[in-house]
Amino acid sequence: MSDVTVDLLTALQGALGPQYRLERELGRGGMGVVFLATDTTLDRRVAVKVVHPELTTHGSVVRRFLAEARTIARLRHQGIVAVHTAGSADGLLYYVMDEVEGESLRDRLNRELRLPAGDVERILADLAAALDAAARAGVVHRDVKPENVLLDAVTGRAMLADFGIARAMEGDTGDPATGQGVAVGTPAYMSPEQASGEAVDCRSDIYALGVVGYEMLTGHPPFRGAHRVVVSKHIAERPVPVSRLRADAPAALAAAVMRALAKAPEQRWQTGEALRLALAGTTPVGGHSWRRGRIA
């Protein structure tokens, strides 16, 4: 464990107090670091995410973060990692969430590159259902990507994490209700409207989910390169069809992914539920499946 990690863990432990006992780092990304912890009051394992301190220097970020955390904590769905509490102390922003035994979708893609079509369908269906539940609660994720997808080794379910983090990190120049005027997220997974700094809604998340599906099937996102190049391609360039890159992909699955990637929001699946229903019949007979207790 690096000195920087030790310092952060020590500072976070002081901010959390005795209820949560931090144990070790689970992972880190562009927004923050996740630690495994024990809730000493309820005697259960949890995960604690702390936002990188350099991202939280403005009071507006703290206010947005806590407001988003309150909203996300009300979301209850089997495909959404539950948030238990959040706080701000000693210059640190953090939230406590369920620990998910398993790995991230990014970990699996790093290992396998492309996934069996049956697994792609199931992961997309799980995530589409989660996004639908969030949309019905008025929540847009804004940063759907493999790093924010957790594969539960116990249930075999794909789950979305980090709701609200991208929204909380938005600058002060955008519309507070829609995020209009601000491009926040990960370029490789941004919808055209998000990349342009325009208003976003659940259909932007569906586009990002389409990018994730494309990557699971082909081994890479539809657009690659420098951030500015990728952003411009999301806005103006059509992706190479999945069918040209993955000949064994079921036609219905490939078509569902490509529709999610339509440039115009009104041409995409309009809800997560619509996408989930479209995916329901795409699993090939004899396709791969997950065994309970592990990610196959």
Foldseek 3Di string as FASTA:
>chain_A
DDPVVVVVQVVVCVFVDDQKAWDAWDDADDFWTKTWIARNVVGDIKIKTKGDLVLQPDPLLVVLQQVQLVLQQPQDDPQAWHWDDWDADPSITMTITHDAPAAFQVVVCVVVLADWLQLLLQQLLSVLVSLQSQQVSVFAQLEDDRRQWGQHLAARYIHGYRRSSQLSSWDPPADNNFQAQTQTYQLLQFALCSLVRGGDGSLRVLLSSLQRSLRNHQSHGQDDDDSVVSNVCNNPNQGDQSCVRHVPQQPLSSVLSSQSSDNDSVSHPVGSVSSSVSSPPRRDVVTDDQDRNGGD
